[in-house]
């Protein structure tokens, strides 16, 4: 079965205001529909929690070393981090739900222009065939954008993913962006419930606070020093951790 949903997220900027997903003019959120192949599609607005700087909400400060030594990593743990992680805080084997991200697209919400899109190729492994694969393959993405990306106010990120034969309750993502160990933005999205053996498509709406011209200039001049951690939780336990870095000097 296939499901889709839309959500909005906010950065840690206290001046930003959370808007209901139903106000998104770029995506239909009205009840059930169908896909092009006739499969039923359930469209729903997801719950969204406003991301914020951990110091603003009283979350205790944590360190990567502390979390690597912990048996369970929670959302509150990662909200207490003060800089980008150097290591992954969980192993691929902790993804017991077989969550697999198969497509990702970024677009400018004002113009609809697609800024980045990637689709995971289908597996070519034969049954019973064993291959030596890097266990961290697919956990890191490097993005290259133009300086104009830093002036966008609203970006839509569409993600398609499949889940295994277990239902998923309380699926949540926390994504934290840093430039030179300074927290720029913290986003917090809830996917909600995912049925077993389902394909799900969600569009997260990122609303960015304005950056100063000095900050934009520094981020353009220092590619890949802007980095992000994406933490995925099921029932408040970390099950996936992906990382990315960013260059904004494309076309210059």
Protein backbone atom coordinates (compact mmCIF):
# COMPACT_ATOMS: atom_id res chain seq x y z
CA UNK A 1 0.00 0.00 0.00
CA UNK A 2 1.09 3.57 -0.58
CA UNK A 3 0.58 6.55 1.74
CA UNK A 4 1.42 10.21 1.53
CA UNK A 5 1.40 13.16 3.91
CA UNK A 6 2.52 16.75 4.27
CA UNK A 7 4.13 18.53 7.21
CA UNK A 8 5.64 21.83 8.15
CA UNK A 9 8.64 22.36 10.38
CA UNK A 10 10.18 25.40 12.01
CA UNK A 11 13.73 26.34 12.88
CA UNK A 12 14.94 27.30 16.32
CA UNK A 13 14.31 30.96 15.47
CA UNK A 14 11.72 32.00 18.12
CA UNK A 15 10.20 34.56 15.78
CA UNK A 16 9.04 31.90 13.33
CA UNK A 17 5.44 30.74 13.61
CA UNK A 18 4.23 27.20 13.03
CA UNK A 19 1.54 27.04 10.33
CA UNK A 20 -0.93 24.19 9.84
CA UNK A 21 -0.10 21.78 7.04
CA UNK A 22 -3.49 22.31 5.47
CA UNK A 23 -2.44 25.83 4.47
CA UNK A 24 0.18 24.50 2.06
CA UNK A 25 -1.10 25.55 -1.37
CA UNK A 26 1.47 23.47 -3.20
CA UNK A 27 0.12 20.09 -2.06
CA UNK A 28 -3.34 18.56 -1.76
CA UNK A 29 -4.07 17.41 1.79
CA UNK A 30 -7.75 16.69 1.43
CA UNK A 31 -8.65 13.14 2.43
CA UNK A 32 -8.15 9.91 0.53
CA UNK A 33 -7.28 9.70 -3.14
CA UNK A 34 -5.56 7.27 -5.46
CA UNK A 35 -2.20 6.92 -7.14
CA UNK A 36 -1.75 6.81 -10.89
CA UNK A 37 -1.82 2.99 -10.80
CA UNK A 38 -5.09 2.90 -8.87
CA UNK A 39 -3.61 2.00 -5.48
CA UNK A 40 -5.32 3.64 -2.50
CA UNK A 41 -3.53 6.67 -1.12
CA UNK A 42 -4.18 8.17 2.30
CA UNK A 43 -3.30 11.84 2.60
CA UNK A 44 -2.93 13.34 6.06
CA UNK A 45 -1.36 16.31 7.78
CA UNK A 46 1.36 15.24 10.18
CA UNK A 47 1.92 16.60 13.64
CA UNK A 48 4.91 18.93 13.79
CA UNK A 49 6.83 20.12 16.81
CA UNK A 50 8.74 23.35 16.60
CA UNK A 51 12.49 22.74 16.72
CA UNK A 52 14.47 25.03 18.94
CA UNK A 53 17.86 25.60 20.48
CA UNK A 54 18.25 23.21 23.41
CA UNK A 55 19.34 26.06 25.67
CA UNK A 56 15.99 27.76 25.09
CA UNK A 57 13.87 24.84 26.28
CA UNK A 58 15.95 23.66 29.23
CA UNK A 59 17.21 20.44 27.61
CA UNK A 60 20.42 19.34 29.38
CA UNK A 61 23.61 19.71 27.37
CA UNK A 62 24.93 16.38 26.08
CA UNK A 63 28.13 15.29 24.34
CA UNK A 64 28.73 12.82 21.56
CA UNK A 65 30.95 10.78 23.88
CA UNK A 66 28.12 10.43 26.40
CA UNK A 67 25.65 9.28 23.74
CA UNK A 68 28.05 6.78 22.17
CA UNK A 69 28.32 5.12 25.58
CA UNK A 70 24.54 5.09 26.10
CA UNK A 71 22.47 1.98 25.39
CA UNK A 72 19.52 4.09 24.17
CA UNK A 73 19.62 7.55 22.55
CA UNK A 74 16.45 9.64 22.89
CA UNK A 75 15.21 12.83 21.18
CA UNK A 76 16.09 14.85 24.27
CA UNK A 77 19.65 13.50 24.07
CA UNK A 78 20.28 14.79 20.54
CA UNK A 79 18.56 18.11 21.25
CA UNK A 80 21.25 18.67 23.86
CA UNK A 81 24.13 18.33 21.40
CA UNK A 82 26.06 21.56 20.88
CA UNK A 83 27.93 20.65 17.68
CA UNK A 84 27.88 18.30 14.71
CA UNK A 85 28.68 14.68 15.51
CA UNK A 86 31.87 13.08 14.20
CA UNK A 87 30.49 9.54 14.37
CA UNK A 88 27.19 7.77 13.87
CA UNK A 89 25.27 7.39 17.12
CA UNK A 90 23.70 4.07 16.14
CA UNK A 91 24.60 1.17 13.89
CA UNK A 92 22.67 0.14 10.75
CA UNK A 93 21.59 -3.02 12.56
CA UNK A 94 19.43 -0.93 14.90
CA UNK A 95 17.07 -0.24 12.01
CA UNK A 96 15.03 -3.32 12.90
CA UNK A 97 12.02 -1.87 11.08
CA UNK A 98 13.81 -2.06 7.71
CA UNK A 99 13.10 1.60 6.95
CA UNK A 100 14.57 2.26 3.51
CA UNK A 101 14.65 5.72 1.91
CA UNK A 102 14.19 5.28 -1.83
CA UNK A 103 13.68 8.79 -3.21
CA UNK A 104 14.46 12.34 -2.12
CA UNK A 105 13.61 15.67 -3.77
CA UNK A 106 14.17 19.30 -2.73
CA UNK A 107 12.21 22.13 -4.34
CA UNK A 108 11.74 25.87 -3.91
CA UNK A 109 8.19 26.31 -2.62
CA UNK A 110 7.77 29.75 -4.22
CA UNK A 111 8.65 28.74 -7.78
CA UNK A 112 8.30 24.95 -7.70
CA UNK A 113 11.83 24.63 -9.11
CA UNK A 114 13.39 21.25 -8.30
CA UNK A 115 16.80 21.92 -6.74
CA UNK A 116 17.91 18.36 -6.04
CA UNK A 117 16.52 14.91 -6.73
CA UNK A 118 17.88 11.41 -6.25
CA UNK A 119 16.33 7.95 -6.51
CA UNK A 120 17.83 4.81 -5.07
CA UNK A 121 18.50 2.31 -7.86
CA UNK A 122 16.84 -1.10 -7.52
CA UNK A 123 18.92 -3.87 -6.00
CA UNK A 124 20.73 -6.08 -8.52
CA UNK A 125 21.85 -8.73 -6.02
CA UNK A 126 20.82 -12.26 -6.86
CA UNK A 127 19.15 -14.45 -4.28
CA UNK A 128 21.70 -15.99 -1.96
CA UNK A 129 24.53 -13.83 -3.30
CA UNK A 130 26.74 -12.24 -0.64
CA UNK A 131 28.60 -9.00 -1.19
CA UNK A 132 30.96 -7.00 0.99
CA UNK A 133 29.16 -3.69 1.40
CA UNK A 134 30.18 -0.73 3.54
CA UNK A 135 27.63 -0.78 6.41
CA UNK A 136 27.56 3.04 6.36
CA UNK A 137 26.88 3.29 2.62
CA UNK A 138 23.88 5.50 1.98
CA UNK A 139 24.10 7.24 5.37
CA UNK A 140 25.94 10.30 4.04
CA UNK A 141 24.97 12.80 1.32
CA UNK A 142 27.00 15.71 -0.08
CA UNK A 143 24.93 18.58 -1.50
CA UNK A 144 26.10 21.28 -3.91
CA UNK A 145 23.93 24.38 -4.28
CA UNK A 146 24.36 27.93 -5.56
CA UNK A 147 24.55 30.93 -3.18
CA UNK A 148 20.90 31.70 -4.03
CA UNK A 149 19.84 28.67 -1.96
CA UNK A 150 20.82 30.51 1.23
CA UNK A 151 18.27 33.24 0.48
CA UNK A 152 15.32 30.89 0.07
CA UNK A 153 12.65 31.25 2.72
CA UNK A 154 10.72 28.01 2.22
CA UNK A 155 11.90 24.68 0.81
CA UNK A 156 9.93 21.47 0.36
CA UNK A 157 11.73 18.16 0.88
CA UNK A 158 9.87 15.13 -0.44
CA UNK A 159 11.01 11.77 0.90
CA UNK A 160 9.80 8.35 -0.18
CA UNK A 161 10.48 5.37 2.05
CA UNK A 162 9.40 1.79 2.58
CA UNK A 163 9.03 -0.12 5.83
CA UNK A 164 9.34 -3.81 6.62
CA UNK A 165 6.84 -6.25 8.06
CA UNK A 166 6.44 -4.49 11.41
CA UNK A 167 4.18 -1.47 12.02
CA UNK A 168 5.92 1.71 13.15
CA UNK A 169 4.47 3.91 15.88
CA UNK A 170 5.72 7.41 16.68
CA UNK A 171 8.19 7.75 13.81
CA UNK A 172 10.03 11.05 14.29
CA UNK A 173 12.93 12.90 12.70
CA UNK A 174 15.11 15.59 14.28
CA UNK A 175 17.46 17.35 11.88
CA UNK A 176 20.11 19.80 13.11
CA UNK A 177 22.16 22.07 10.84
CA UNK A 178 25.47 23.61 11.88
CA UNK A 179 28.05 25.94 10.41
CA UNK A 180 31.43 25.67 12.10
CA UNK A 181 29.90 24.13 15.23
CA UNK A 182 27.26 26.87 15.49
CA UNK A 183 23.68 25.61 15.43
CA UNK A 184 21.87 27.28 12.50
CA UNK A 185 18.55 25.42 12.47
CA UNK A 186 16.88 22.55 14.28
CA UNK A 187 13.84 20.89 12.69
CA UNK A 188 11.52 18.40 14.31
CA UNK A 189 9.00 16.35 12.28
CA UNK A 190 6.64 13.54 13.26
CA UNK A 191 5.74 10.98 10.60
CA UNK A 192 3.23 9.29 12.88
CA UNK A 193 2.10 5.71 12.25
CA UNK A 194 3.39 3.68 9.28
CA UNK A 195 1.68 0.45 8.28
CA UNK A 196 3.80 -2.66 7.75
CA UNK A 197 5.02 -3.39 4.22
CA UNK A 198 3.98 0.08 3.04
CA UNK A 199 5.48 2.73 0.77
CA UNK A 200 5.20 6.23 2.22
CA UNK A 201 5.72 9.66 0.67
CA UNK A 202 6.01 12.77 2.84
CA UNK A 203 6.85 16.36 2.03
CA UNK A 204 8.46 18.33 4.84
CA UNK A 205 8.20 22.10 4.55
CA UNK A 206 11.33 23.82 5.87
CA UNK A 207 10.86 27.47 6.80
CA UNK A 208 14.25 29.12 7.08
CA UNK A 209 15.05 32.19 9.18
CA UNK A 210 16.88 34.94 7.26
CA UNK A 211 20.68 34.82 7.32
CA UNK A 212 22.86 37.90 7.52
CA UNK A 213 24.94 38.83 4.49
CA UNK A 214 28.09 38.13 6.52
CA UNK A 215 26.87 34.62 7.34
CA UNK A 216 25.97 33.94 3.71
CA UNK A 217 29.38 35.11 2.55
CA UNK A 218 31.18 32.89 5.06
CA UNK A 219 29.09 29.84 4.16
CA UNK A 220 29.77 30.37 0.44
CA UNK A 221 33.51 30.82 1.00
CA UNK A 222 33.80 27.68 3.14
CA UNK A 223 32.16 24.77 1.32
CA UNK A 224 31.23 21.65 3.28
CA UNK A 225 31.70 23.37 6.63
CA UNK A 226 27.90 23.54 6.79
CA UNK A 227 26.80 20.13 8.03
CA UNK A 228 23.73 18.36 9.34
CA UNK A 229 22.74 15.39 11.48
CA UNK A 230 19.43 13.64 10.77
CA UNK A 231 18.22 11.48 13.64
CA UNK A 232 15.29 9.07 13.22
CA UNK A 233 13.39 7.69 16.22
CA UNK A 234 10.73 5.06 16.74
CA UNK A 235 9.01 5.21 20.13
CA UNK A 236 11.67 7.71 21.28
CA UNK A 237 14.59 5.39 20.52
CA UNK A 238 17.21 6.24 17.88
CA UNK A 239 17.08 3.72 15.03
CA UNK A 240 18.77 5.62 12.17
CA UNK A 241 21.34 8.40 11.89
CA UNK A 242 22.28 10.05 8.60
CA UNK A 243 24.72 12.87 7.92
CA UNK A 244 25.22 15.47 5.18
CA UNK A 245 27.41 18.41 4.28
CA UNK A 246 26.75 21.36 1.97
CA UNK A 247 28.51 23.60 -0.52
CA UNK A 248 26.90 26.85 -1.67
CA UNK A 249 29.49 28.00 -4.21
CA UNK A 250 28.05 26.24 -7.25
CA UNK A 251 28.02 28.42 -10.34
CA UNK A 252 30.49 30.94 -8.87
